[in-house]
Amino acid sequence: MSENKNTAQPVAVGGFSRENLKKVAIAAGAIIVLVGAYFGYKYWISEPNEKKAAEAMFKAEEYYRIDSLNLALQGDAQNAGFLKVITKYSGTNAANMANFYAGSCYLKQGDFKNAVKHLENFSTNAPQVKARATALLADAYAEQGNKEKAVGLYAEAGKTFDKDDYNSPEYLFRAGYLYESMGKTKEAIEMYQLIKEKYPKSERGFDIDKYLGRLGAVE
């Protein structure tokens, strides 16, 4: 005898069961909620925060331009400094840029530990700014006596924005000179040769043969 089975089977709708359609509907609803949350965050929280952060940075940048470094970092009675922008507006573009400024301020003040901290927290896709920030970070590590870290960063900075025929050869030269001081002649020659090939008319390029010559690498 055949056994009757009353177990209900999902009804197919266009090759899809109702159960699957329900799952798709739930998933679609979740996506709509996420998209709504994203745009809500963007227009009601993120963008207003960006504007407030940029406004808060204005006076600190003015202090930075006139080398009032403590005021740039700490702010005054009415205006926020870079450090407050970083903490109060964390996650904004302004806070990210404030890390660059703060690192530069600390470097000028000789506080190399804090310079490293803030410069490492800064990021950018703009090659010219990235090259500058990388070179400042190299300066901070060099001042701490960390030659291995510094020399790699100088070399990176020199290659990041190679259209800059003033700063790029300078960063490459610092890398070469530091390699030379570390006894890494081959690496030093590579940096000096790069200056000679790519930036012969730069300030460093004019006398680079002198440095290559003392390493026995003049053609």
C-alpha atoms as a PDB file:
ATOM      1  CA  MET A   1       0.000   0.000   0.000  1.00  0.00           C
ATOM      2  CA  SER A   2       1.169   3.477  -0.764  1.00  0.00           C
ATOM      3  CA  GLU A   3       1.494   5.772   2.187  1.00  0.00           C
ATOM      4  CA  ASN A   4      -0.239   9.153   1.966  1.00  0.00           C
ATOM      5  CA  LYS A   5       2.131  12.038   2.635  1.00  0.00           C
ATOM      6  CA  ASN A   6       0.524  15.261   3.699  1.00  0.00           C
ATOM      7  CA  THR A   7       3.762  17.190   3.954  1.00  0.00           C
ATOM      8  CA  ALA A   8       3.183  20.425   2.088  1.00  0.00           C
ATOM      9  CA  GLN A   9       5.604  21.117  -0.734  1.00  0.00           C
ATOM     10  CA  PRO A  10       6.663  24.665  -1.597  1.00  0.00           C
ATOM     11  CA  VAL A  11       4.601  25.971  -4.511  1.00  0.00           C
ATOM     12  CA  ALA A  12       6.795  26.943  -7.436  1.00  0.00           C
ATOM     13  CA  VAL A  13       6.321  30.400  -8.894  1.00  0.00           C
ATOM     14  CA  GLY A  14       8.185  30.912 -12.148  1.00  0.00           C
ATOM     15  CA  GLY A  15      10.808  28.348 -11.128  1.00  0.00           C
ATOM     16  CA  PHE A  16      11.110  29.839  -7.628  1.00  0.00           C
ATOM     17  CA  SER A  17       9.359  28.500  -4.547  1.00  0.00           C
ATOM     18  CA  ARG A  18       7.337  30.820  -2.311  1.00  0.00           C
ATOM     19  CA  GLU A  19       9.788  30.053   0.469  1.00  0.00           C
ATOM     20  CA  ASN A  20      12.684  31.313  -1.659  1.00  0.00           C
ATOM     21  CA  LEU A  21      10.707  34.366  -2.734  1.00  0.00           C
ATOM     22  CA  LYS A  22      10.143  35.170   0.917  1.00  0.00           C
ATOM     23  CA  LYS A  23      13.891  34.938   1.590  1.00  0.00           C
ATOM     24  CA  VAL A  24      14.625  37.230  -1.364  1.00  0.00           C
ATOM     25  CA  ALA A  25      12.055  39.732  -0.097  1.00  0.00           C
ATOM     26  CA  ILE A  26      13.641  39.720   3.355  1.00  0.00           C
ATOM     27  CA  ALA A  27      17.110  40.206   1.853  1.00  0.00           C
ATOM     28  CA  ALA A  28      15.869  43.048  -0.361  1.00  0.00           C
ATOM     29  CA  GLY A  29      14.262  44.680   2.659  1.00  0.00           C
ATOM     30  CA  ALA A  30      17.543  44.447   4.549  1.00  0.00           C
ATOM     31  CA  ILE A  31      19.408  46.084   1.654  1.00  0.00           C
ATOM     32  CA  ILE A  32      16.883  48.926   1.574  1.00  0.00           C
ATOM     33  CA  VAL A  33      17.359  49.463   5.302  1.00  0.00           C
ATOM     34  CA  LEU A  34      21.164  49.509   4.897  1.00  0.00           C
ATOM     35  CA  VAL A  35      21.011  51.934   1.973  1.00  0.00           C
ATOM     36  CA  GLY A  36      18.664  54.167   3.918  1.00  0.00           C
ATOM     37  CA  ALA A  37      20.965  54.058   6.925  1.00  0.00           C
ATOM     38  CA  TYR A  38      23.963  54.926   4.732  1.00  0.00           C
ATOM     39  CA  PHE A  39      22.323  57.973   3.163  1.00  0.00           C
ATOM     40  CA  GLY A  40      20.869  59.014   6.498  1.00  0.00           C
ATOM     41  CA  TYR A  41      24.330  58.879   8.055  1.00  0.00           C
ATOM     42  CA  LYS A  42      25.854  60.703   5.088  1.00  0.00           C
ATOM     43  CA  TYR A  43      23.412  63.615   4.930  1.00  0.00           C
ATOM     44  CA  TRP A  44      22.434  64.021   8.583  1.00  0.00           C
ATOM     45  CA  ILE A  45      25.638  63.096  10.415  1.00  0.00           C
ATOM     46  CA  SER A  46      28.695  62.689   8.185  1.00  0.00           C
ATOM     47  CA  GLU A  47      28.426  65.791   5.997  1.00  0.00           C
ATOM     48  CA  PRO A  48      27.471  68.180   8.835  1.00  0.00           C
ATOM     49  CA  ASN A  49      30.385  66.775  10.872  1.00  0.00           C
ATOM     50  CA  GLU A  50      32.753  67.342   7.953  1.00  0.00           C
ATOM     51  CA  LYS A  51      31.607  70.955   7.724  1.00  0.00           C
ATOM     52  CA  LYS A  52      31.970  71.544  11.460  1.00  0.00           C
ATOM     53  CA  ALA A  53      35.392  69.897  11.493  1.00  0.00           C
ATOM     54  CA  ALA A  54      36.616  71.993   8.562  1.00  0.00           C
ATOM     55  CA  GLU A  55      35.390  75.157  10.281  1.00  0.00           C
ATOM     56  CA  ALA A  56      37.107  74.124  13.516  1.00  0.00           C
ATOM     57  CA  MET A  57      40.389  73.633  11.623  1.00  0.00           C
ATOM     58  CA  PHE A  58      40.435  77.131  10.151  1.00  0.00           C
ATOM     59  CA  LYS A  59      42.082  79.005  13.043  1.00  0.00           C
ATOM     60  CA  ALA A  60      44.501  76.158  13.782  1.00  0.00           C
ATOM     61  CA  GLU A  61      45.723  76.311  10.180  1.00  0.00           C
ATOM     62  CA  GLU A  62      46.251  80.061  10.543  1.00  0.00           C
ATOM     63  CA  TYR A  63      48.371  79.492  13.651  1.00  0.00           C
ATOM     64  CA  TYR A  64      50.326  76.808  11.790  1.00  0.00           C
ATOM     65  CA  ARG A  65      51.118  79.170   8.914  1.00  0.00           C
ATOM     66  CA  ILE A  66      52.666  81.714  11.302  1.00  0.00           C
ATOM     67  CA  ASP A  67      54.551  79.028  13.256  1.00  0.00           C
ATOM     68  CA  SER A  68      52.511  79.438  16.454  1.00  0.00           C
ATOM     69  CA  LEU A  69      52.833  75.714  16.979  1.00  0.00           C
ATOM     70  CA  ASN A  70      51.435  75.406  20.514  1.00  0.00           C
ATOM     71  CA  LEU A  71      48.324  77.366  19.569  1.00  0.00           C
ATOM     72  CA  ALA A  72      47.985  75.333  16.391  1.00  0.00           C
ATOM     73  CA  LEU A  73      48.085  72.120  18.421  1.00  0.00           C
ATOM     74  CA  GLN A  74      46.164  73.131  21.535  1.00  0.00           C
ATOM     75  CA  GLY A  75      43.959  75.947  20.289  1.00  0.00           C
ATOM     76  CA  ASP A  76      43.062  79.082  22.239  1.00  0.00           C
ATOM     77  CA  ALA A  77      40.194  80.111  24.489  1.00  0.00           C
ATOM     78  CA  GLN A  78      37.767  80.277  21.574  1.00  0.00           C
ATOM     79  CA  ASN A  79      39.181  78.028  18.867  1.00  0.00           C
ATOM     80  CA  ALA A  80      40.038  74.342  18.681  1.00  0.00           C
ATOM     81  CA  GLY A  81      43.537  73.187  17.870  1.00  0.00           C
ATOM     82  CA  PHE A  82      44.491  70.227  15.720  1.00  0.00           C
ATOM     83  CA  LEU A  83      44.466  67.827  18.672  1.00  0.00           C
ATOM     84  CA  LYS A  84      40.863  68.634  19.557  1.00  0.00           C
ATOM     85  CA  VAL A  85      39.778  68.336  15.922  1.00  0.00           C
ATOM     86  CA  ILE A  86      41.344  64.864  15.848  1.00  0.00           C
ATOM     87  CA  THR A  87      39.463  63.658  18.921  1.00  0.00           C
ATOM     88  CA  LYS A  88      36.167  65.512  18.504  1.00  0.00           C
ATOM     89  CA  TYR A  89      35.738  64.860  14.787  1.00  0.00           C
ATOM     90  CA  SER A  90      37.357  61.453  14.474  1.00  0.00           C
ATOM     91  CA  GLY A  91      36.705  59.827  11.110  1.00  0.00           C
ATOM     92  CA  THR A  92      36.337  63.061   9.156  1.00  0.00           C
ATOM     93  CA  ASN A  93      38.650  64.270   6.413  1.00  0.00           C
ATOM     94  CA  ALA A  94      39.514  67.282   8.550  1.00  0.00           C
ATOM     95  CA  ALA A  95      40.586  65.076  11.458  1.00  0.00           C
ATOM     96  CA  ASN A  96      42.748  63.069   9.081  1.00  0.00           C
ATOM     97  CA  MET A  97      44.389  66.263   7.797  1.00  0.00           C
ATOM     98  CA  ALA A  98      44.798  67.468  11.378  1.00  0.00           C
ATOM     99  CA  ASN A  99      47.012  64.428  11.990  1.00  0.00           C
ATOM    100  CA  PHE A 100      49.308  65.634   9.209  1.00  0.00           C
ATOM    101  CA  TYR A 101      49.500  69.119  10.692  1.00  0.00           C
ATOM    102  CA  ALA A 102      49.957  67.819  14.244  1.00  0.00           C
ATOM    103  CA  GLY A 103      52.772  65.524  13.144  1.00  0.00           C
ATOM    104  CA  SER A 104      54.486  68.421  11.398  1.00  0.00           C
ATOM    105  CA  CYS A 105      54.103  70.634  14.491  1.00  0.00           C
ATOM    106  CA  TYR A 106      55.566  68.010  16.804  1.00  0.00           C
ATOM    107  CA  LEU A 107      58.462  67.424  14.402  1.00  0.00           C
ATOM    108  CA  LYS A 108      59.314  71.130  14.459  1.00  0.00           C
ATOM    109  CA  GLN A 109      59.114  71.079  18.255  1.00  0.00           C
ATOM    110  CA  GLY A 110      61.475  68.112  18.495  1.00  0.00           C
ATOM    111  CA  ASP A 111      58.819  65.769  19.880  1.00  0.00           C
ATOM    112  CA  PHE A 112      59.612  62.967  17.462  1.00  0.00           C
ATOM    113  CA  LYS A 113      57.544  60.290  19.193  1.00  0.00           C
ATOM    114  CA  ASN A 114      54.315  62.259  18.793  1.00  0.00           C
ATOM    115  CA  ALA A 115      55.361  63.294  15.298  1.00  0.00           C
ATOM    116  CA  VAL A 116      55.554  59.621  14.308  1.00  0.00           C
ATOM    117  CA  LYS A 117      52.251  58.854  16.021  1.00  0.00           C
ATOM    118  CA  HIS A 118      50.274  61.481  14.127  1.00  0.00           C
ATOM    119  CA  LEU A 119      51.990  61.123  10.769  1.00  0.00           C
ATOM    120  CA  GLU A 120      51.361  57.377  10.820  1.00  0.00           C
ATOM    121  CA  ASN A 121      47.676  58.074  11.481  1.00  0.00           C
ATOM    122  CA  PHE A 122      47.479  60.258   8.375  1.00  0.00           C
ATOM    123  CA  SER A 123      46.562  58.850   4.980  1.00  0.00           C
ATOM    124  CA  THR A 124      45.916  60.337   1.547  1.00  0.00           C
ATOM    125  CA  ASN A 125      45.566  59.360  -2.098  1.00  0.00           C
ATOM    126  CA  ALA A 126      47.073  62.660  -3.283  1.00  0.00           C
ATOM    127  CA  PRO A 127      50.627  61.699  -4.346  1.00  0.00           C
ATOM    128  CA  GLN A 128      52.234  65.098  -3.700  1.00  0.00           C
ATOM    129  CA  VAL A 129      50.827  65.301  -0.167  1.00  0.00           C
ATOM    130  CA  LYS A 130      51.652  61.643   0.445  1.00  0.00           C
ATOM    131  CA  ALA A 131      55.265  62.244  -0.587  1.00  0.00           C
ATOM    132  CA  ARG A 132      55.551  65.162   1.837  1.00  0.00           C
ATOM    133  CA  ALA A 133      53.979  63.255   4.728  1.00  0.00           C
ATOM    134  CA  THR A 134      56.230  60.244   4.080  1.00  0.00           C
ATOM    135  CA  ALA A 135      59.324  62.448   4.068  1.00  0.00           C
ATOM    136  CA  LEU A 136      58.282  64.082   7.350  1.00  0.00           C
ATOM    137  CA  LEU A 137      57.779  60.645   8.863  1.00  0.00           C
ATOM    138  CA  ALA A 138      61.253  59.700   7.627  1.00  0.00           C
ATOM    139  CA  ASP A 139      62.647  62.831   9.291  1.00  0.00           C
ATOM    140  CA  ALA A 140      61.028  61.854  12.586  1.00  0.00           C
ATOM    141  CA  TYR A 141      62.429  58.319  12.465  1.00  0.00           C
ATOM    142  CA  ALA A 142      65.881  59.615  11.453  1.00  0.00           C
ATOM    143  CA  GLU A 143      65.888  61.982  14.439  1.00  0.00           C
ATOM    144  CA  GLN A 144      65.105  59.009  16.672  1.00  0.00           C
ATOM    145  CA  GLY A 145      68.097  57.157  15.250  1.00  0.00           C
ATOM    146  CA  ASN A 146      65.986  54.596  13.395  1.00  0.00           C
ATOM    147  CA  LYS A 147      67.963  54.682  10.145  1.00  0.00           C
ATOM    148  CA  GLU A 148      66.484  51.497   8.682  1.00  0.00           C
ATOM    149  CA  LYS A 149      62.956  52.839   8.916  1.00  0.00           C
ATOM    150  CA  ALA A 150      63.925  56.339   7.832  1.00  0.00           C
ATOM    151  CA  VAL A 151      65.899  55.360   4.745  1.00  0.00           C
ATOM    152  CA  GLY A 152      63.082  53.255   3.328  1.00  0.00           C
ATOM    153  CA  LEU A 153      60.624  56.096   3.838  1.00  0.00           C
ATOM    154  CA  TYR A 154      62.933  58.637   2.168  1.00  0.00           C
ATOM    155  CA  ALA A 155      63.261  56.351  -0.853  1.00  0.00           C
ATOM    156  CA  GLU A 156      59.486  55.870  -0.947  1.00  0.00           C
ATOM    157  CA  ALA A 157      58.882  59.620  -0.681  1.00  0.00           C
ATOM    158  CA  GLY A 158      61.290  60.271  -3.543  1.00  0.00           C
ATOM    159  CA  LYS A 159      59.415  57.899  -5.834  1.00  0.00           C
ATOM    160  CA  THR A 160      55.848  58.772  -4.846  1.00  0.00           C
ATOM    161  CA  PHE A 161      55.468  61.940  -6.921  1.00  0.00           C
ATOM    162  CA  ASP A 162      58.283  61.891  -9.439  1.00  0.00           C
ATOM    163  CA  LYS A 163      56.987  64.952 -11.309  1.00  0.00           C
ATOM    164  CA  ASP A 164      58.209  67.114  -8.448  1.00  0.00           C
ATOM    165  CA  ASP A 165      61.712  67.968  -9.618  1.00  0.00           C
ATOM    166  CA  TYR A 166      62.516  69.869  -6.431  1.00  0.00           C
ATOM    167  CA  ASN A 167      61.402  67.686  -3.527  1.00  0.00           C
ATOM    168  CA  SER A 168      61.720  64.246  -5.130  1.00  0.00           C
ATOM    169  CA  PRO A 169      65.499  64.521  -5.769  1.00  0.00           C
ATOM    170  CA  GLU A 170      65.922  65.915  -2.262  1.00  0.00           C
ATOM    171  CA  TYR A 171      64.188  62.905  -0.710  1.00  0.00           C
ATOM    172  CA  LEU A 172      66.207  60.527  -2.894  1.00  0.00           C
ATOM    173  CA  PHE A 173      69.382  62.293  -1.856  1.00  0.00           C
ATOM    174  CA  ARG A 174      68.521  61.905   1.821  1.00  0.00           C
ATOM    175  CA  ALA A 175      67.935  58.201   1.204  1.00  0.00           C
ATOM    176  CA  GLY A 176      71.269  57.875  -0.609  1.00  0.00           C
ATOM    177  CA  TYR A 177      73.180  59.821   2.005  1.00  0.00           C
ATOM    178  CA  LEU A 178      71.650  57.759   4.800  1.00  0.00           C
ATOM    179  CA  TYR A 179      72.411  54.498   2.963  1.00  0.00           C
ATOM    180  CA  GLU A 180      75.985  55.713   2.589  1.00  0.00           C
ATOM    181  CA  SER A 181      76.248  56.421   6.327  1.00  0.00           C
ATOM    182  CA  MET A 182      74.987  52.876   6.970  1.00  0.00           C
ATOM    183  CA  GLY A 183      77.697  51.381   4.753  1.00  0.00           C
ATOM    184  CA  LYS A 184      75.160  50.299   2.116  1.00  0.00           C
ATOM    185  CA  THR A 185      77.109  51.498  -0.904  1.00  0.00           C
ATOM    186  CA  LYS A 186      75.064  49.700  -3.559  1.00  0.00           C
ATOM    187  CA  GLU A 187      71.797  51.176  -2.335  1.00  0.00           C
ATOM    188  CA  ALA A 188      73.350  54.638  -2.013  1.00  0.00           C
ATOM    189  CA  ILE A 189      74.577  54.486  -5.618  1.00  0.00           C
ATOM    190  CA  GLU A 190      71.091  53.473  -6.784  1.00  0.00           C
ATOM    191  CA  MET A 191      69.569  56.564  -5.160  1.00  0.00           C
ATOM    192  CA  TYR A 192      72.274  58.895  -6.525  1.00  0.00           C
ATOM    193  CA  GLN A 193      72.001  57.374 -10.013  1.00  0.00           C
ATOM    194  CA  LEU A 194      68.250  57.901  -9.956  1.00  0.00           C
ATOM    195  CA  ILE A 195      68.819  61.594  -9.247  1.00  0.00           C
ATOM    196  CA  LYS A 196      71.350  61.816 -12.077  1.00  0.00           C
ATOM    197  CA  GLU A 197      69.030  60.122 -14.571  1.00  0.00           C
ATOM    198  CA  LYS A 198      65.719  61.755 -13.681  1.00  0.00           C
ATOM    199  CA  TYR A 199      66.671  65.116 -12.172  1.00  0.00           C
ATOM    200  CA  PRO A 200      69.989  66.229 -13.731  1.00  0.00           C
ATOM    201  CA  LYS A 201      68.954  69.908 -13.638  1.00  0.00           C
ATOM    202  CA  SER A 202      67.818  69.898 -10.032  1.00  0.00           C
ATOM    203  CA  GLU A 203      69.878  71.391  -7.229  1.00  0.00           C
ATOM    204  CA  ARG A 204      70.928  67.910  -6.114  1.00  0.00           C
ATOM    205  CA  GLY A 205      71.457  66.790  -9.688  1.00  0.00           C
ATOM    206  CA  PHE A 206      74.088  69.456 -10.387  1.00  0.00           C
ATOM    207  CA  ASP A 207      76.622  68.023  -7.951  1.00  0.00           C
ATOM    208  CA  ILE A 208      75.497  64.395  -7.703  1.00  0.00           C
ATOM    209  CA  ASP A 209      78.645  63.234  -9.561  1.00  0.00           C
ATOM    210  CA  LYS A 210      80.628  64.247  -6.508  1.00  0.00           C
ATOM    211  CA  TYR A 211      78.753  61.723  -4.379  1.00  0.00           C
ATOM    212  CA  LEU A 212      78.874  59.044  -7.056  1.00  0.00           C
ATOM    213  CA  GLY A 213      82.599  59.716  -7.519  1.00  0.00           C
ATOM    214  CA  ARG A 214      83.489  59.103  -3.914  1.00  0.00           C
ATOM    215  CA  LEU A 215      81.690  55.787  -4.156  1.00  0.00           C
ATOM    216  CA  GLY A 216      83.576  54.931  -7.355  1.00  0.00           C
ATOM    217  CA  ALA A 217      80.474  55.034  -9.507  1.00  0.00           C
ATOM    218  CA  VAL A 218      81.096  57.877 -11.958  1.00  0.00           C
ATOM    219  CA  GLU A 219      80.846  56.716 -15.563  1.00  0.00           C
END
